[in-house]
Amino acid sequence: MTKVNFKNLEVIDFRIESFSVFSENVIIDLSGDGVRSFFNGIEFILKYTDKKKFLKKLSLLHIDKWKKEYMPNGKTVCDGVNWSIEFVYNDDTVKEISGYSEYPKNFNKFLTIVGLEKI
């Protein structure tokens, strides 16, 4: 499990890519009073722009119970999907969760909160 503390969180850096098909990056900036979000470098508006509401939605996902890594067990995957989430804190500590064609149960809810379509 990965210990994620939302209190001192400044940036969420989410990347997802499928080899030669797509590559997407969402950066959520929580360093100010509100929530600023960027999709592949272009600023966009999330559904939750209030910082407290956004963090509450994230906390309901119980990300702190997610494993550090999600990988296929004994499966051969060709041209799968790589993804990673970096949680950057105000003391420059970074916590990362990543996977390859495997995901936490509520991963699609996370995608919705950060403004992406479900897998």
Protein backbone atom coordinates (compact mmCIF):
# COMPACT_ATOMS: atom_id res chain seq x y z
CA MET A 1 0.00 0.00 0.00
CA THR A 2 1.03 3.57 -0.63
CA LYS A 3 0.62 6.15 2.11
CA VAL A 4 -0.95 9.22 0.51
CA ASN A 5 -1.42 12.28 2.72
CA PHE A 6 -3.75 14.80 1.10
CA LYS A 7 -3.03 17.53 3.64
CA ASN A 8 0.41 18.53 2.28
CA LEU A 9 -0.20 17.54 -1.35
CA GLU A 10 0.84 20.12 -3.94
CA VAL A 11 0.83 18.32 -7.30
CA ILE A 12 -0.67 15.20 -8.82
CA ASP A 13 1.10 14.16 -12.03
CA PHE A 14 -0.82 11.43 -13.89
CA ARG A 15 0.50 9.83 -17.07
CA ILE A 16 -1.05 7.12 -19.19
CA GLU A 17 0.11 5.77 -22.53
CA SER A 18 -0.41 2.92 -24.91
CA PHE A 19 2.48 2.15 -27.16
CA SER A 20 2.09 4.05 -30.44
CA VAL A 21 -1.64 4.67 -29.81
CA PHE A 22 -1.96 7.49 -27.27
CA SER A 23 -0.12 9.36 -24.54
CA GLU A 24 -1.86 11.62 -22.03
CA ASN A 25 -0.62 13.65 -19.08
CA VAL A 26 -2.76 15.41 -16.49
CA ILE A 27 -1.16 17.66 -13.91
CA ILE A 28 -3.25 18.88 -11.00
CA ASP A 29 -1.74 21.86 -9.19
CA LEU A 30 -2.96 22.18 -5.60
CA SER A 31 -0.28 24.59 -4.39
CA GLY A 32 -2.63 27.60 -4.29
CA ASP A 33 -6.10 28.11 -2.87
CA GLY A 34 -7.91 26.35 -5.73
CA VAL A 35 -7.30 23.56 -8.21
CA ARG A 36 -5.50 24.20 -11.51
CA SER A 37 -5.39 21.41 -14.06
CA PHE A 38 -3.45 20.83 -17.25
CA PHE A 39 -4.02 18.24 -19.99
CA ASN A 40 -0.91 17.65 -22.11
CA GLY A 41 0.29 21.13 -21.10
CA ILE A 42 -2.97 22.99 -21.81
CA GLU A 43 -4.94 24.35 -18.86
CA PHE A 44 -8.50 23.07 -18.51
CA ILE A 45 -11.26 23.33 -15.89
CA LEU A 46 -12.08 20.31 -13.75
CA LYS A 47 -15.53 19.59 -12.39
CA TYR A 48 -14.14 20.15 -8.88
CA THR A 49 -12.28 23.47 -8.73
CA ASP A 50 -12.71 23.89 -4.99
CA LYS A 51 -9.61 22.39 -3.35
CA LYS A 52 -11.44 20.93 -0.33
CA LYS A 53 -14.12 19.28 -2.49
CA PHE A 54 -11.50 17.91 -4.90
CA LEU A 55 -9.41 16.43 -2.08
CA LYS A 56 -12.54 15.00 -0.44
CA LYS A 57 -13.46 13.22 -3.70
CA LEU A 58 -9.93 11.80 -3.92
CA SER A 59 -9.95 10.69 -0.28
CA LEU A 60 -13.18 8.72 -0.89
CA LEU A 61 -11.22 6.54 -3.35
CA HIS A 62 -8.98 5.27 -0.51
CA ILE A 63 -5.88 5.69 -2.64
CA ASP A 64 -3.82 5.00 0.49
CA LYS A 65 -5.02 1.38 0.18
CA TRP A 66 -3.86 1.05 -3.44
CA LYS A 67 -0.79 -1.08 -4.06
CA LYS A 68 2.39 0.65 -5.13
CA GLU A 69 2.43 -1.29 -8.41
CA TYR A 70 -0.13 -3.07 -10.59
CA MET A 71 1.36 -5.61 -12.99
CA PRO A 72 -0.10 -8.61 -14.83
CA ASN A 73 0.61 -11.86 -12.97
CA GLY A 74 1.73 -14.54 -15.38
CA LYS A 75 0.00 -12.89 -18.34
CA THR A 76 1.70 -11.89 -21.55
CA VAL A 77 0.60 -8.42 -22.57
CA CYS A 78 1.56 -6.95 -25.92
CA ASP A 79 1.03 -3.26 -26.54
CA GLY A 80 -0.49 -2.72 -23.11
CA VAL A 81 -1.17 0.48 -21.22
CA ASN A 82 1.42 2.04 -18.90
CA TRP A 83 0.25 4.48 -16.25
CA SER A 84 1.67 6.28 -13.25
CA ILE A 85 0.52 8.75 -10.62
CA GLU A 86 3.03 10.88 -8.76
CA PHE A 87 1.92 12.66 -5.60
CA VAL A 88 4.29 15.58 -4.90
CA TYR A 89 4.25 17.15 -1.44
CA ASN A 90 5.24 20.60 -0.20
CA ASP A 91 8.50 19.16 1.18
CA ASP A 92 9.35 17.74 -2.31
CA THR A 93 8.62 14.17 -1.20
CA VAL A 94 7.17 12.11 -4.07
CA LYS A 95 4.98 9.00 -3.76
CA GLU A 96 4.31 7.00 -6.93
CA ILE A 97 1.74 4.40 -7.90
CA SER A 98 2.06 2.76 -11.31
CA GLY A 99 0.85 -0.09 -13.43
CA TYR A 100 0.94 -1.91 -16.72
CA SER A 101 -2.45 -3.04 -18.05
CA GLU A 102 -3.67 -3.66 -14.47
CA TYR A 103 -5.52 -1.15 -12.28
CA PRO A 104 -7.00 -0.63 -8.81
CA LYS A 105 -10.73 -1.46 -8.58
CA ASN A 106 -11.85 2.16 -8.55
CA PHE A 107 -9.34 3.45 -11.11
CA ASN A 108 -12.11 4.67 -13.44
CA LYS A 109 -13.45 6.88 -10.64
CA PHE A 110 -9.98 8.40 -10.31
CA LEU A 111 -9.94 9.07 -14.07
CA THR A 112 -13.30 10.82 -13.85
CA ILE A 113 -12.14 13.04 -10.98
CA VAL A 114 -9.04 14.15 -12.92
CA GLY A 115 -11.09 14.83 -16.05
CA LEU A 116 -10.33 11.80 -18.21
CA GLU A 117 -12.52 9.16 -19.81
CA LYS A 118 -12.86 5.71 -18.28
CA ILE A 119 -10.79 2.81 -19.55
